[in-house]
Every structure is written in structure tokens, then in C-alpha cells.
Amino acid sequence: MPCKHCHETKQRTPQEYDKLIHRLNRIEGQIRGIRGMLEKDAYCIDILMQVSAANAALNAFSKELLGNHIRTCVKEDILAGQEDTVEELVATLQKLMK
């Protein structure tokens, strides 16, 4: 039996999409900056500080995406009587908290 979640998609509002893309663009820039630091033989601690900033930015992206997911997909599924969405959310949170 195929997984019911393998082919799901999400229609995002233009505001939600723009906000998430903006965050990803900033993260891409941070990663390119880290690569540039490495190529220029930057001091290890300076690179590590930039890696920490990139990790924080990825975490902020994840929090934004998760919040949007709960406010839309999860809420809609629960209101439609699809209680298995709660178990999917719990499993996802457990994976994210490793």
C-alpha cells in the first residue's frame, strides 16, 4: 500500500511563499559566504561562527514552515476528521527533536 503522504502538495499564499523563499535565499548566501571563507583560508573560529549563524537561520526556516503547517494543513485535517494527521505531526516532531 503506497504512503498517502508521498504525493501531497501544499498551495501556499504568495506571502507565505515569499517569506520562505526570502529566508532560503539568505541561507544560500550564508552558505556561499562560508565556502568563500574556507577558500580564503579564514580562521576556523570565524568559519564556525558563520556555520552557527547558518544553522540558526535553518532552524528559523523550519519553525516558520512548521508553524504554517500546523495553522493550515493540520488544522484543516483535524476539522475534516482526519485524526491521523496528529500522529504524523507527532512523528515529525520526534524526528526534528533528535
PDB file of N, CA and C in Angstrom:
ATOM      1  N   MET A   1       0.851  -1.187   0.000  1.00  0.00           N
ATOM      2  CA  MET A   1       0.000   0.000   0.000  1.00  0.00           C
ATOM      3  C   MET A   1       0.894   1.248   0.000  1.00  0.00           C
ATOM      4  N   PRO A   2       0.756   2.132  -0.985  1.00  0.00           N
ATOM      5  CA  PRO A   2       1.615   3.319  -1.035  1.00  0.00           C
ATOM      6  C   PRO A   2       1.296   4.293   0.088  1.00  0.00           C
ATOM      7  N   CYS A   3       2.304   5.017   0.468  1.00  0.00           N
ATOM      8  CA  CYS A   3       2.163   6.025   1.517  1.00  0.00           C
ATOM      9  C   CYS A   3       1.245   7.140   1.022  1.00  0.00           C
ATOM     10  N   LYS A   4       0.251   7.507   1.807  1.00  0.00           N
ATOM     11  CA  LYS A   4      -0.689   8.542   1.373  1.00  0.00           C
ATOM     12  C   LYS A   4      -0.052   9.926   1.336  1.00  0.00           C
ATOM     13  N   HIS A   5       1.080  10.101   1.991  1.00  0.00           N
ATOM     14  CA  HIS A   5       1.717  11.403   2.061  1.00  0.00           C
ATOM     15  C   HIS A   5       2.769  11.628   0.968  1.00  0.00           C
ATOM     16  N   CYS A   6       3.069  10.601   0.185  1.00  0.00           N
ATOM     17  CA  CYS A   6       4.158  10.701  -0.783  1.00  0.00           C
ATOM     18  C   CYS A   6       3.860  11.679  -1.910  1.00  0.00           C
ATOM     19  N   HIS A   7       2.615  11.927  -2.197  1.00  0.00           N
ATOM     20  CA  HIS A   7       2.279  12.770  -3.333  1.00  0.00           C
ATOM     21  C   HIS A   7       1.482  13.998  -2.923  1.00  0.00           C
ATOM     22  N   GLU A   8       1.505  14.352  -1.666  1.00  0.00           N
ATOM     23  CA  GLU A   8       0.781  15.533  -1.225  1.00  0.00           C
ATOM     24  C   GLU A   8       1.531  16.788  -1.624  1.00  0.00           C
ATOM     25  N   THR A   9       0.776  17.818  -1.886  1.00  0.00           N
ATOM     26  CA  THR A   9       1.354  19.126  -2.159  1.00  0.00           C
ATOM     27  C   THR A   9       0.648  20.147  -1.291  1.00  0.00           C
ATOM     28  N   LYS A  10       1.173  21.343  -1.277  1.00  0.00           N
ATOM     29  CA  LYS A  10       0.590  22.410  -0.454  1.00  0.00           C
ATOM     30  C   LYS A  10       0.550  23.678  -1.267  1.00  0.00           C
ATOM     31  N   GLN A  11      -0.611  24.258  -1.388  1.00  0.00           N
ATOM     32  CA  GLN A  11      -0.745  25.567  -2.015  1.00  0.00           C
ATOM     33  C   GLN A  11      -0.478  26.615  -0.949  1.00  0.00           C
ATOM     34  N   ARG A  12       0.567  27.411  -1.150  1.00  0.00           N
ATOM     35  CA  ARG A  12       0.924  28.443  -0.183  1.00  0.00           C
ATOM     36  C   ARG A  12       0.435  29.791  -0.682  1.00  0.00           C
ATOM     37  N   THR A  13       0.113  30.662   0.255  1.00  0.00           N
ATOM     38  CA  THR A  13      -0.241  32.019  -0.135  1.00  0.00           C
ATOM     39  C   THR A  13       1.006  32.697  -0.698  1.00  0.00           C
ATOM     40  N   PRO A  14       0.834  33.703  -1.528  1.00  0.00           N
ATOM     41  CA  PRO A  14       2.009  34.420  -2.037  1.00  0.00           C
ATOM     42  C   PRO A  14       2.874  34.985  -0.904  1.00  0.00           C
ATOM     43  N   GLN A  15       2.270  35.436   0.177  1.00  0.00           N
ATOM     44  CA  GLN A  15       3.027  35.975   1.304  1.00  0.00           C
ATOM     45  C   GLN A  15       3.843  34.890   1.988  1.00  0.00           C
ATOM     46  N   GLU A  16       3.226  33.736   2.203  1.00  0.00           N
ATOM     47  CA  GLU A  16       3.930  32.616   2.837  1.00  0.00           C
ATOM     48  C   GLU A  16       5.095  32.174   1.958  1.00  0.00           C
ATOM     49  N   TYR A  17       4.848  32.022   0.669  1.00  0.00           N
ATOM     50  CA  TYR A  17       5.877  31.605  -0.276  1.00  0.00           C
ATOM     51  C   TYR A  17       7.037  32.603  -0.284  1.00  0.00           C
ATOM     52  N   ASP A  18       6.711  33.884  -0.408  1.00  0.00           N
ATOM     53  CA  ASP A  18       7.754  34.915  -0.459  1.00  0.00           C
ATOM     54  C   ASP A  18       8.601  34.931   0.805  1.00  0.00           C
ATOM     55  N   LYS A  19       7.958  34.780   1.949  1.00  0.00           N
ATOM     56  CA  LYS A  19       8.688  34.793   3.219  1.00  0.00           C
ATOM     57  C   LYS A  19       9.655  33.609   3.303  1.00  0.00           C
ATOM     58  N   LEU A  20       9.185  32.427   2.918  1.00  0.00           N
ATOM     59  CA  LEU A  20      10.036  31.238   2.967  1.00  0.00           C
ATOM     60  C   LEU A  20      11.177  31.324   1.952  1.00  0.00           C
ATOM     61  N   ILE A  21      10.875  31.788   0.747  1.00  0.00           N
ATOM     62  CA  ILE A  21      11.920  31.946  -0.276  1.00  0.00           C
ATOM     63  C   ILE A  21      12.958  32.962   0.178  1.00  0.00           C
ATOM     64  N   HIS A  22      12.509  34.048   0.781  1.00  0.00           N
ATOM     65  CA  HIS A  22      13.448  35.065   1.274  1.00  0.00           C
ATOM     66  C   HIS A  22      14.407  34.459   2.301  1.00  0.00           C
ATOM     67  N   ARG A  23      13.866  33.663   3.214  1.00  0.00           N
ATOM     68  CA  ARG A  23      14.717  33.004   4.213  1.00  0.00           C
ATOM     69  C   ARG A  23      15.722  32.075   3.544  1.00  0.00           C
ATOM     70  N   LEU A  24      15.258  31.286   2.571  1.00  0.00           N
ATOM     71  CA  LEU A  24      16.161  30.354   1.887  1.00  0.00           C
ATOM     72  C   LEU A  24      17.235  31.097   1.098  1.00  0.00           C
ATOM     73  N   ASN A  25      16.878  32.196   0.469  1.00  0.00           N
ATOM     74  CA  ASN A  25      17.874  32.987  -0.258  1.00  0.00           C
ATOM     75  C   ASN A  25      18.961  33.504   0.676  1.00  0.00           C
ATOM     76  N   ARG A  26      18.560  33.951   1.867  1.00  0.00           N
ATOM     77  CA  ARG A  26      19.540  34.414   2.842  1.00  0.00           C
ATOM     78  C   ARG A  26      20.445  33.273   3.292  1.00  0.00           C
ATOM     79  N   ILE A  27      19.863  32.101   3.505  1.00  0.00           N
ATOM     80  CA  ILE A  27      20.651  30.931   3.923  1.00  0.00           C
ATOM     81  C   ILE A  27      21.635  30.543   2.817  1.00  0.00           C
ATOM     82  N   GLU A  28      21.169  30.564   1.575  1.00  0.00           N
ATOM     83  CA  GLU A  28      22.074  30.275   0.460  1.00  0.00           C
ATOM     84  C   GLU A  28      23.262  31.232   0.460  1.00  0.00           C
ATOM     85  N   GLY A  29      22.984  32.492   0.691  1.00  0.00           N
ATOM     86  CA  GLY A  29      24.054  33.488   0.748  1.00  0.00           C
ATOM     87  C   GLY A  29      25.028  33.196   1.874  1.00  0.00           C
ATOM     88  N   GLN A  30      24.490  32.789   3.028  1.00  0.00           N
ATOM     89  CA  GLN A  30      25.355  32.447   4.153  1.00  0.00           C
ATOM     90  C   GLN A  30      26.250  31.265   3.806  1.00  0.00           C
ATOM     91  N   ILE A  31      25.700  30.261   3.168  1.00  0.00           N
ATOM     92  CA  ILE A  31      26.475  29.075   2.810  1.00  0.00           C
ATOM     93  C   ILE A  31      27.560  29.438   1.799  1.00  0.00           C
ATOM     94  N   ARG A  32      27.215  30.257   0.804  1.00  0.00           N
ATOM     95  CA  ARG A  32      28.234  30.711  -0.156  1.00  0.00           C
ATOM     96  C   ARG A  32      29.323  31.504   0.561  1.00  0.00           C
ATOM     97  N   GLY A  33      28.928  32.296   1.554  1.00  0.00           N
ATOM     98  CA  GLY A  33      29.908  33.050   2.325  1.00  0.00           C
ATOM     99  C   GLY A  33      30.847  32.141   3.103  1.00  0.00           C
ATOM    100  N   ILE A  34      30.310  31.085   3.675  1.00  0.00           N
ATOM    101  CA  ILE A  34      31.138  30.120   4.409  1.00  0.00           C
ATOM    102  C   ILE A  34      32.127  29.456   3.462  1.00  0.00           C
ATOM    103  N   ARG A  35      31.649  29.087   2.286  1.00  0.00           N
ATOM    104  CA  ARG A  35      32.553  28.483   1.298  1.00  0.00           C
ATOM    105  C   ARG A  35      33.666  29.463   0.922  1.00  0.00           C
ATOM    106  N   GLY A  36      33.297  30.718   0.735  1.00  0.00           N
ATOM    107  CA  GLY A  36      34.295  31.731   0.405  1.00  0.00           C
ATOM    108  C   GLY A  36      35.317  31.902   1.513  1.00  0.00           C
ATOM    109  N   MET A  37      34.852  31.845   2.759  1.00  0.00           N
ATOM    110  CA  MET A  37      35.772  31.946   3.891  1.00  0.00           C
ATOM    111  C   MET A  37      36.761  30.789   3.872  1.00  0.00           C
ATOM    112  N   LEU A  38      36.255  29.592   3.613  1.00  0.00           N
ATOM    113  CA  LEU A  38      37.122  28.415   3.568  1.00  0.00           C
ATOM    114  C   LEU A  38      38.142  28.542   2.435  1.00  0.00           C
ATOM    115  N   GLU A  39      37.672  28.991   1.277  1.00  0.00           N
ATOM    116  CA  GLU A  39      38.568  29.148   0.127  1.00  0.00           C
ATOM    117  C   GLU A  39      39.645  30.199   0.389  1.00  0.00           C
ATOM    118  N   LYS A  40      39.347  31.168   1.238  1.00  0.00           N
ATOM    119  CA  LYS A  40      40.314  32.228   1.553  1.00  0.00           C
ATOM    120  C   LYS A  40      41.106  31.924   2.828  1.00  0.00           C
ATOM    121  N   ASP A  41      41.011  30.678   3.288  1.00  0.00           N
ATOM    122  CA  ASP A  41      41.758  30.235   4.464  1.00  0.00           C
ATOM    123  C   ASP A  41      41.436  31.052   5.717  1.00  0.00           C
ATOM    124  N   ALA A  42      40.156  31.357   5.904  1.00  0.00           N
ATOM    125  CA  ALA A  42      39.751  32.112   7.092  1.00  0.00           C
ATOM    126  C   ALA A  42      40.020  31.291   8.352  1.00  0.00           C
ATOM    127  N   TYR A  43      40.107  31.986   9.449  1.00  0.00           N
ATOM    128  CA  TYR A  43      40.353  31.365  10.751  1.00  0.00           C
ATOM    129  C   TYR A  43      39.177  30.456  11.113  1.00  0.00           C
ATOM    130  N   CYS A  44      39.486  29.294  11.666  1.00  0.00           N
ATOM    131  CA  CYS A  44      38.480  28.262  11.977  1.00  0.00           C
ATOM    132  C   CYS A  44      37.315  28.809  12.804  1.00  0.00           C
ATOM    133  N   ILE A  45      37.631  29.561  13.839  1.00  0.00           N
ATOM    134  CA  ILE A  45      36.587  30.074  14.728  1.00  0.00           C
ATOM    135  C   ILE A  45      35.645  31.002  13.966  1.00  0.00           C
ATOM    136  N   ASP A  46      36.176  31.815  13.067  1.00  0.00           N
ATOM    137  CA  ASP A  46      35.333  32.710  12.273  1.00  0.00           C
ATOM    138  C   ASP A  46      34.372  31.910  11.389  1.00  0.00           C
ATOM    139  N   ILE A  47      34.870  30.836  10.797  1.00  0.00           N
ATOM    140  CA  ILE A  47      34.018  29.978   9.974  1.00  0.00           C
ATOM    141  C   ILE A  47      32.953  29.311  10.841  1.00  0.00           C
ATOM    142  N   LEU A  48      33.368  28.800  11.986  1.00  0.00           N
ATOM    143  CA  LEU A  48      32.409  28.143  12.882  1.00  0.00           C
ATOM    144  C   LEU A  48      31.298  29.087  13.328  1.00  0.00           C
ATOM    145  N   MET A  49      31.620  30.350  13.536  1.00  0.00           N
ATOM    146  CA  MET A  49      30.599  31.327  13.926  1.00  0.00           C
ATOM    147  C   MET A  49      29.591  31.529  12.786  1.00  0.00           C
ATOM    148  N   GLN A  50      30.081  31.524  11.564  1.00  0.00           N
ATOM    149  CA  GLN A  50      29.177  31.661  10.419  1.00  0.00           C
ATOM    150  C   GLN A  50      28.335  30.400  10.224  1.00  0.00           C
ATOM    151  N   VAL A  51      28.917  29.231  10.485  1.00  0.00           N
ATOM    152  CA  VAL A  51      28.155  27.989  10.420  1.00  0.00           C
ATOM    153  C   VAL A  51      27.041  28.008  11.469  1.00  0.00           C
ATOM    154  N   SER A  52      27.361  28.492  12.649  1.00  0.00           N
ATOM    155  CA  SER A  52      26.351  28.598  13.704  1.00  0.00           C
ATOM    156  C   SER A  52      25.210  29.518  13.277  1.00  0.00           C
ATOM    157  N   ALA A  53      25.547  30.626  12.637  1.00  0.00           N
ATOM    158  CA  ALA A  53      24.519  31.553  12.151  1.00  0.00           C
ATOM    159  C   ALA A  53      23.653  30.893  11.074  1.00  0.00           C
ATOM    160  N   ALA A  54      24.271  30.116  10.188  1.00  0.00           N
ATOM    161  CA  ALA A  54      23.519  29.421   9.143  1.00  0.00           C
ATOM    162  C   ALA A  54      22.595  28.364   9.755  1.00  0.00           C
ATOM    163  N   ASN A  55      23.080  27.656  10.764  1.00  0.00           N
ATOM    164  CA  ASN A  55      22.237  26.675  11.459  1.00  0.00           C
ATOM    165  C   ASN A  55      21.040  27.355  12.110  1.00  0.00           C
ATOM    166  N   ALA A  56      21.265  28.505  12.722  1.00  0.00           N
ATOM    167  CA  ALA A  56      20.170  29.249  13.350  1.00  0.00           C
ATOM    168  C   ALA A  56      19.157  29.690  12.301  1.00  0.00           C
ATOM    169  N   ALA A  57      19.641  30.102  11.141  1.00  0.00           N
ATOM    170  CA  ALA A  57      18.749  30.515  10.062  1.00  0.00           C
ATOM    171  C   ALA A  57      17.925  29.331   9.550  1.00  0.00           C
ATOM    172  N   LEU A  58      18.544  28.166   9.425  1.00  0.00           N
ATOM    173  CA  LEU A  58      17.800  26.966   9.019  1.00  0.00           C
ATOM    174  C   LEU A  58      16.751  26.585  10.064  1.00  0.00           C
ATOM    175  N   ASN A  59      17.103  26.712  11.335  1.00  0.00           N
ATOM    176  CA  ASN A  59      16.134  26.432  12.394  1.00  0.00           C
ATOM    177  C   ASN A  59      14.961  27.402  12.336  1.00  0.00           C
ATOM    178  N   ALA A  60      15.245  28.671  12.061  1.00  0.00           N
ATOM    179  CA  ALA A  60      14.176  29.658  11.948  1.00  0.00           C
ATOM    180  C   ALA A  60      13.267  29.328  10.756  1.00  0.00           C
ATOM    181  N   PHE A  61      13.868  28.887   9.653  1.00  0.00           N
ATOM    182  CA  PHE A  61      13.084  28.466   8.490  1.00  0.00           C
ATOM    183  C   PHE A  61      12.173  27.295   8.871  1.00  0.00           C
ATOM    184  N   SER A  62      12.731  26.305   9.559  1.00  0.00           N
ATOM    185  CA  SER A  62      11.955  25.133   9.971  1.00  0.00           C
ATOM    186  C   SER A  62      10.801  25.521  10.886  1.00  0.00           C
ATOM    187  N   LYS A  63      11.057  26.416  11.820  1.00  0.00           N
ATOM    188  CA  LYS A  63       9.999  26.871  12.738  1.00  0.00           C
ATOM    189  C   LYS A  63       8.882  27.580  11.977  1.00  0.00           C
ATOM    190  N   GLU A  64       9.258  28.417  11.033  1.00  0.00           N
ATOM    191  CA  GLU A  64       8.267  29.125  10.216  1.00  0.00           C
ATOM    192  C   GLU A  64       7.422  28.133   9.422  1.00  0.00           C
ATOM    193  N   LEU A  65       8.083  27.179   8.761  1.00  0.00           N
ATOM    194  CA  LEU A  65       7.385  26.184   7.958  1.00  0.00           C
ATOM    195  C   LEU A  65       6.488  25.304   8.825  1.00  0.00           C
ATOM    196  N   LEU A  66       6.992  24.882   9.968  1.00  0.00           N
ATOM    197  CA  LEU A  66       6.202  24.049  10.877  1.00  0.00           C
ATOM    198  C   LEU A  66       4.988  24.812  11.399  1.00  0.00           C
ATOM    199  N   GLY A  67       5.177  26.059  11.769  1.00  0.00           N
ATOM    200  CA  GLY A  67       4.050  26.865  12.239  1.00  0.00           C
ATOM    201  C   GLY A  67       2.978  27.011  11.174  1.00  0.00           C
ATOM    202  N   ASN A  68       3.413  27.276   9.949  1.00  0.00           N
ATOM    203  CA  ASN A  68       2.455  27.376   8.843  1.00  0.00           C
ATOM    204  C   ASN A  68       1.731  26.053   8.643  1.00  0.00           C
ATOM    205  N   HIS A  69       2.469  24.956   8.738  1.00  0.00           N
ATOM    206  CA  HIS A  69       1.879  23.620   8.555  1.00  0.00           C
ATOM    207  C   HIS A  69       0.806  23.358   9.609  1.00  0.00           C
ATOM    208  N   ILE A  70       1.103  23.681  10.852  1.00  0.00           N
ATOM    209  CA  ILE A  70       0.133  23.442  11.919  1.00  0.00           C
ATOM    210  C   ILE A  70      -1.101  24.319  11.736  1.00  0.00           C
ATOM    211  N   ARG A  71      -0.890  25.609  11.403  1.00  0.00           N
ATOM    212  CA  ARG A  71      -2.016  26.534  11.255  1.00  0.00           C
ATOM    213  C   ARG A  71      -2.889  26.229  10.041  1.00  0.00           C
ATOM    214  N   THR A  72      -2.348  25.534   9.057  1.00  0.00           N
ATOM    215  CA  THR A  72      -3.135  25.267   7.846  1.00  0.00           C
ATOM    216  C   THR A  72      -3.436  23.778   7.715  1.00  0.00           C
ATOM    217  N   CYS A  73      -2.466  23.001   7.290  1.00  0.00           N
ATOM    218  CA  CYS A  73      -2.685  21.582   6.981  1.00  0.00           C
ATOM    219  C   CYS A  73      -3.246  20.799   8.167  1.00  0.00           C
ATOM    220  N   VAL A  74      -2.590  20.907   9.304  1.00  0.00           N
ATOM    221  CA  VAL A  74      -3.015  20.130  10.475  1.00  0.00           C
ATOM    222  C   VAL A  74      -4.399  20.571  10.926  1.00  0.00           C
ATOM    223  N   LYS A  75      -4.605  21.868  11.025  1.00  0.00           N
ATOM    224  CA  LYS A  75      -5.908  22.398  11.445  1.00  0.00           C
ATOM    225  C   LYS A  75      -7.018  21.930  10.511  1.00  0.00           C
ATOM    226  N   GLU A  76      -6.777  22.057   9.200  1.00  0.00           N
ATOM    227  CA  GLU A  76      -7.796  21.646   8.224  1.00  0.00           C
ATOM    228  C   GLU A  76      -8.093  20.159   8.314  1.00  0.00           C
ATOM    229  N   ASP A  77      -7.053  19.342   8.457  1.00  0.00           N
ATOM    230  CA  ASP A  77      -7.263  17.894   8.554  1.00  0.00           C
ATOM    231  C   ASP A  77      -8.038  17.519   9.806  1.00  0.00           C
ATOM    232  N   ILE A  78      -7.726  18.143  10.927  1.00  0.00           N
ATOM    233  CA  ILE A  78      -8.437  17.835  12.169  1.00  0.00           C
ATOM    234  C   ILE A  78      -9.902  18.235  12.041  1.00  0.00           C
ATOM    235  N   LEU A  79     -10.150  19.419  11.482  1.00  0.00           N
ATOM    236  CA  LEU A  79     -11.536  19.859  11.294  1.00  0.00           C
ATOM    237  C   LEU A  79     -12.298  18.945  10.337  1.00  0.00           C
ATOM    238  N   ALA A  80     -11.570  18.298   9.418  1.00  0.00           N
ATOM    239  CA  ALA A  80     -12.190  17.366   8.472  1.00  0.00           C
ATOM    240  C   ALA A  80     -12.285  15.950   9.044  1.00  0.00           C
ATOM    241  N   GLY A  81     -11.861  15.777  10.304  1.00  0.00           N
ATOM    242  CA  GLY A  81     -11.962  14.476  10.952  1.00  0.00           C
ATOM    243  C   GLY A  81     -10.809  13.535  10.672  1.00  0.00           C
ATOM    244  N   GLN A  82      -9.734  14.035  10.103  1.00  0.00           N
ATOM    245  CA  GLN A  82      -8.570  13.195   9.796  1.00  0.00           C
ATOM    246  C   GLN A  82      -7.597  13.237  10.971  1.00  0.00           C
ATOM    247  N   GLU A  83      -7.901  12.474  11.983  1.00  0.00           N
ATOM    248  CA  GLU A  83      -7.126  12.479  13.220  1.00  0.00           C
ATOM    249  C   GLU A  83      -5.726  11.896  13.057  1.00  0.00           C
ATOM    250  N   ASP A  84      -5.483  11.114  11.998  1.00  0.00           N
ATOM    251  CA  ASP A  84      -4.161  10.534  11.803  1.00  0.00           C
ATOM    252  C   ASP A  84      -3.104  11.607  11.531  1.00  0.00           C
ATOM    253  N   THR A  85      -3.547  12.792  11.187  1.00  0.00           N
ATOM    254  CA  THR A  85      -2.625  13.903  10.968  1.00  0.00           C
ATOM    255  C   THR A  85      -1.891  14.261  12.258  1.00  0.00           C
ATOM    256  N   VAL A  86      -2.547  14.075  13.391  1.00  0.00           N
ATOM    257  CA  VAL A  86      -1.903  14.354  14.680  1.00  0.00           C
ATOM    258  C   VAL A  86      -0.733  13.404  14.883  1.00  0.00           C
ATOM    259  N   GLU A  87      -0.936  12.133  14.551  1.00  0.00           N
ATOM    260  CA  GLU A  87       0.153  11.155  14.691  1.00  0.00           C
ATOM    261  C   GLU A  87       1.308  11.482  13.742  1.00  0.00           C
ATOM    262  N   GLU A  88       0.977  11.926  12.534  1.00  0.00           N
ATOM    263  CA  GLU A  88       2.015  12.333  11.586  1.00  0.00           C
ATOM    264  C   GLU A  88       2.812  13.512  12.152  1.00  0.00           C
ATOM    265  N   LEU A  89       2.123  14.464  12.747  1.00  0.00           N
ATOM    266  CA  LEU A  89       2.786  15.629  13.341  1.00  0.00           C
ATOM    267  C   LEU A  89       3.673  15.209  14.506  1.00  0.00           C
ATOM    268  N   VAL A  90       3.177  14.331  15.362  1.00  0.00           N
ATOM    269  CA  VAL A  90       3.977  13.850  16.486  1.00  0.00           C
ATOM    270  C   VAL A  90       5.242  13.149  15.989  1.00  0.00           C
ATOM    271  N   ALA A  91       5.101  12.288  14.998  1.00  0.00           N
ATOM    272  CA  ALA A  91       6.254  11.579  14.440  1.00  0.00           C
ATOM    273  C   ALA A  91       7.256  12.569  13.841  1.00  0.00           C
ATOM    274  N   THR A  92       6.748  13.576  13.156  1.00  0.00           N
ATOM    275  CA  THR A  92       7.629  14.591  12.568  1.00  0.00           C
ATOM    276  C   THR A  92       8.371  15.354  13.648  1.00  0.00           C
ATOM    277  N   LEU A  93       7.672  15.765  14.688  1.00  0.00           N
ATOM    278  CA  LEU A  93       8.308  16.490  15.788  1.00  0.00           C
ATOM    279  C   LEU A  93       9.377  15.635  16.471  1.00  0.00           C
ATOM    280  N   GLN A  94       9.101  14.351  16.638  1.00  0.00           N
ATOM    281  CA  GLN A  94      10.090  13.464  17.244  1.00  0.00           C
ATOM    282  C   GLN A  94      11.345  13.379  16.384  1.00  0.00           C
ATOM    283  N   LYS A  95      11.190  13.339  15.078  1.00  0.00           N
ATOM    284  CA  LYS A  95      12.351  13.309  14.176  1.00  0.00           C
ATOM    285  C   LYS A  95      13.120  14.620  14.240  1.00  0.00           C
ATOM    286  N   LEU A  96      12.397  15.734  14.300  1.00  0.00           N
ATOM    287  CA  LEU A  96      13.053  17.045  14.348  1.00  0.00           C
ATOM    288  C   LEU A  96      13.804  17.282  15.652  1.00  0.00           C
ATOM    289  N   MET A  97      13.393  16.615  16.721  1.00  0.00           N
ATOM    290  CA  MET A  97      13.976  16.845  18.041  1.00  0.00           C
ATOM    291  C   MET A  97      15.113  15.888  18.365  1.00  0.00           C
ATOM    292  N   LYS A  98      15.586  15.124  17.413  1.00  0.00           N
ATOM    293  CA  LYS A  98      16.691  14.185  17.660  1.00  0.00           C
ATOM    294  C   LYS A  98      17.937  14.940  18.025  1.00  0.00           C
TER     295      LYS A  98
END
